[in-house]
N, C-alpha and C. Protein backbone atom coordinates (compact mmCIF):
# COMPACT_ATOMS: atom_id res chain seq x y z
N UNK A 1 -7.25 -4.24 25.69
CA UNK A 1 -6.91 -2.83 25.44
C UNK A 1 -5.67 -2.74 24.55
N UNK A 2 -4.69 -3.54 24.85
CA UNK A 2 -3.45 -3.54 24.07
C UNK A 2 -3.72 -3.91 22.62
N UNK A 3 -4.61 -4.87 22.42
CA UNK A 3 -4.94 -5.32 21.07
C UNK A 3 -5.65 -4.21 20.30
N UNK A 4 -6.50 -3.47 21.00
CA UNK A 4 -7.21 -2.36 20.38
C UNK A 4 -6.23 -1.30 19.90
N UNK A 5 -5.26 -0.98 20.73
CA UNK A 5 -4.25 0.01 20.37
C UNK A 5 -3.45 -0.47 19.16
N UNK A 6 -3.13 -1.77 19.15
CA UNK A 6 -2.37 -2.35 18.05
C UNK A 6 -3.15 -2.25 16.75
N UNK A 7 -4.45 -2.55 16.81
CA UNK A 7 -5.27 -2.49 15.59
C UNK A 7 -5.40 -1.06 15.10
N UNK A 8 -5.47 -0.12 16.03
CA UNK A 8 -5.53 1.29 15.65
C UNK A 8 -4.24 1.70 14.95
N UNK A 9 -3.13 1.21 15.46
CA UNK A 9 -1.82 1.52 14.88
C UNK A 9 -1.72 0.95 13.47
N UNK A 10 -2.20 -0.29 13.29
CA UNK A 10 -2.18 -0.93 11.98
C UNK A 10 -3.07 -0.16 11.01
N UNK A 11 -4.24 0.26 11.48
CA UNK A 11 -5.15 1.02 10.64
C UNK A 11 -4.51 2.34 10.20
N UNK A 12 -3.84 3.01 11.14
CA UNK A 12 -3.16 4.26 10.85
C UNK A 12 -2.04 4.05 9.83
N UNK A 13 -1.27 3.00 10.04
CA UNK A 13 -0.16 2.69 9.13
C UNK A 13 -0.67 2.39 7.73
N UNK A 14 -1.76 1.62 7.66
CA UNK A 14 -2.35 1.26 6.37
C UNK A 14 -2.84 2.51 5.64
N UNK A 15 -3.50 3.38 6.36
CA UNK A 15 -4.03 4.60 5.77
C UNK A 15 -2.89 5.48 5.25
N UNK A 16 -1.78 5.49 5.95
CA UNK A 16 -0.65 6.32 5.56
C UNK A 16 0.11 5.70 4.38
N UNK A 17 0.18 4.38 4.34
CA UNK A 17 1.02 3.73 3.33
C UNK A 17 0.27 3.17 2.13
N UNK A 18 -1.06 3.11 2.22
CA UNK A 18 -1.83 2.55 1.11
C UNK A 18 -1.65 3.34 -0.18
N UNK A 19 -1.70 4.69 -0.15
CA UNK A 19 -1.49 5.44 -1.39
C UNK A 19 -0.14 5.15 -2.03
N UNK A 20 0.89 5.02 -1.20
CA UNK A 20 2.23 4.71 -1.71
C UNK A 20 2.24 3.34 -2.38
N UNK A 21 1.59 2.37 -1.73
CA UNK A 21 1.52 1.02 -2.25
C UNK A 21 0.75 0.99 -3.57
N UNK A 22 -0.35 1.74 -3.61
CA UNK A 22 -1.18 1.80 -4.81
C UNK A 22 -0.39 2.40 -5.96
N UNK A 23 0.35 3.45 -5.66
CA UNK A 23 1.19 4.11 -6.67
C UNK A 23 2.26 3.16 -7.19
N UNK A 24 2.86 2.39 -6.27
CA UNK A 24 3.89 1.42 -6.65
C UNK A 24 3.29 0.34 -7.55
N UNK A 25 2.08 -0.11 -7.19
CA UNK A 25 1.41 -1.13 -7.97
C UNK A 25 1.12 -0.62 -9.38
N UNK A 26 0.65 0.61 -9.48
CA UNK A 26 0.34 1.20 -10.78
C UNK A 26 1.59 1.34 -11.63
N UNK A 27 2.68 1.79 -11.04
CA UNK A 27 3.93 1.96 -11.78
C UNK A 27 4.50 0.61 -12.20
N UNK A 28 4.34 -0.40 -11.33
CA UNK A 28 4.82 -1.74 -11.66
C UNK A 28 4.06 -2.29 -12.86
N UNK A 29 2.74 -2.08 -12.87
CA UNK A 29 1.92 -2.53 -13.99
C UNK A 29 2.30 -1.78 -15.27
N UNK A 30 2.56 -0.50 -15.14
CA UNK A 30 2.95 0.31 -16.29
C UNK A 30 4.26 -0.18 -16.89
N UNK A 31 5.22 -0.48 -16.03
CA UNK A 31 6.52 -1.00 -16.48
C UNK A 31 6.34 -2.36 -17.14
N UNK A 32 5.48 -3.20 -16.55
CA UNK A 32 5.19 -4.53 -17.11
C UNK A 32 4.63 -4.40 -18.52
N UNK A 33 3.67 -3.49 -18.69
CA UNK A 33 3.08 -3.25 -20.02
C UNK A 33 4.13 -2.72 -20.98
N UNK A 34 4.99 -1.85 -20.49
CA UNK A 34 6.04 -1.26 -21.32
C UNK A 34 6.99 -2.34 -21.85
N UNK A 35 7.31 -3.31 -20.99
CA UNK A 35 8.27 -4.36 -21.37
C UNK A 35 7.64 -5.36 -22.33
N UNK A 36 6.41 -5.80 -22.04
CA UNK A 36 5.83 -6.91 -22.78
C UNK A 36 4.93 -6.49 -23.94
N UNK A 37 4.66 -5.17 -24.10
CA UNK A 37 3.82 -4.72 -25.21
C UNK A 37 4.36 -3.52 -25.94
């Protein structure tokens, strides 16, 4: 039961933070392109 709750918490955290991470990844790639091209 405890493990189930933990996995639910991780799933919730991922869903909440994935857009932020994706945005960070996109901006990082944009900056990389800006520097090297």
